[in-house]
């Protein structure tokens, strides 16, 4: 039996957390780790009990949604709320952090940042990480470990089946394709 590698294990956790995001622009997850143990996790979303972007839309100011708290800050705040030290910890995040999250990560004493995807990597954030001695490393989640975009794949399958239907493919073959897609995505597709 082959065990999942530590980087893949923690990055998979971050991608799983991202699935809880209520942001309609980008789903992000973050996991804080110390001594190979998860000490906190966060995803981008509104304040507890607040209105979510998925319900009321993003509240944009200067091109940034101010309704949400970023995943990295949510994870750090979870540690603060429950009295868990972040000094010397590591963070796994699905996307390269924004400039404000970069500063929060540094101030929290996190010493190593692993991120899966580049995302508007700000040169000043990269400089700040370097100046503060925070190592950064890209660690992409292996696709086979976890499906990170099931909605997109389901929509693609629905689109392909619709195109087949428009092309006049016989009903029996269409029904077979729908059943296979429904098994794969565990949903009922539009008929």
Foldseek 3Di string as FASTA:
>chain_A
DDDDDLLLVQLVVFLVQLVVELAPPGRKKKFKDDPSHTDFIFIKFADVPDDTCNHVNFDDDPRDGPRIDHGLVRRLVVCVVVVHQRAQIEMEMAEDDDQVSLVVCLVSNHAEYEYAYYDPPDPVSVVVCVVSNRHYYYDHHDCVVDPSCLVVVLVVLLVVLVVCVVVPDDPVVSVVSQVVSCVVSVDHHDD
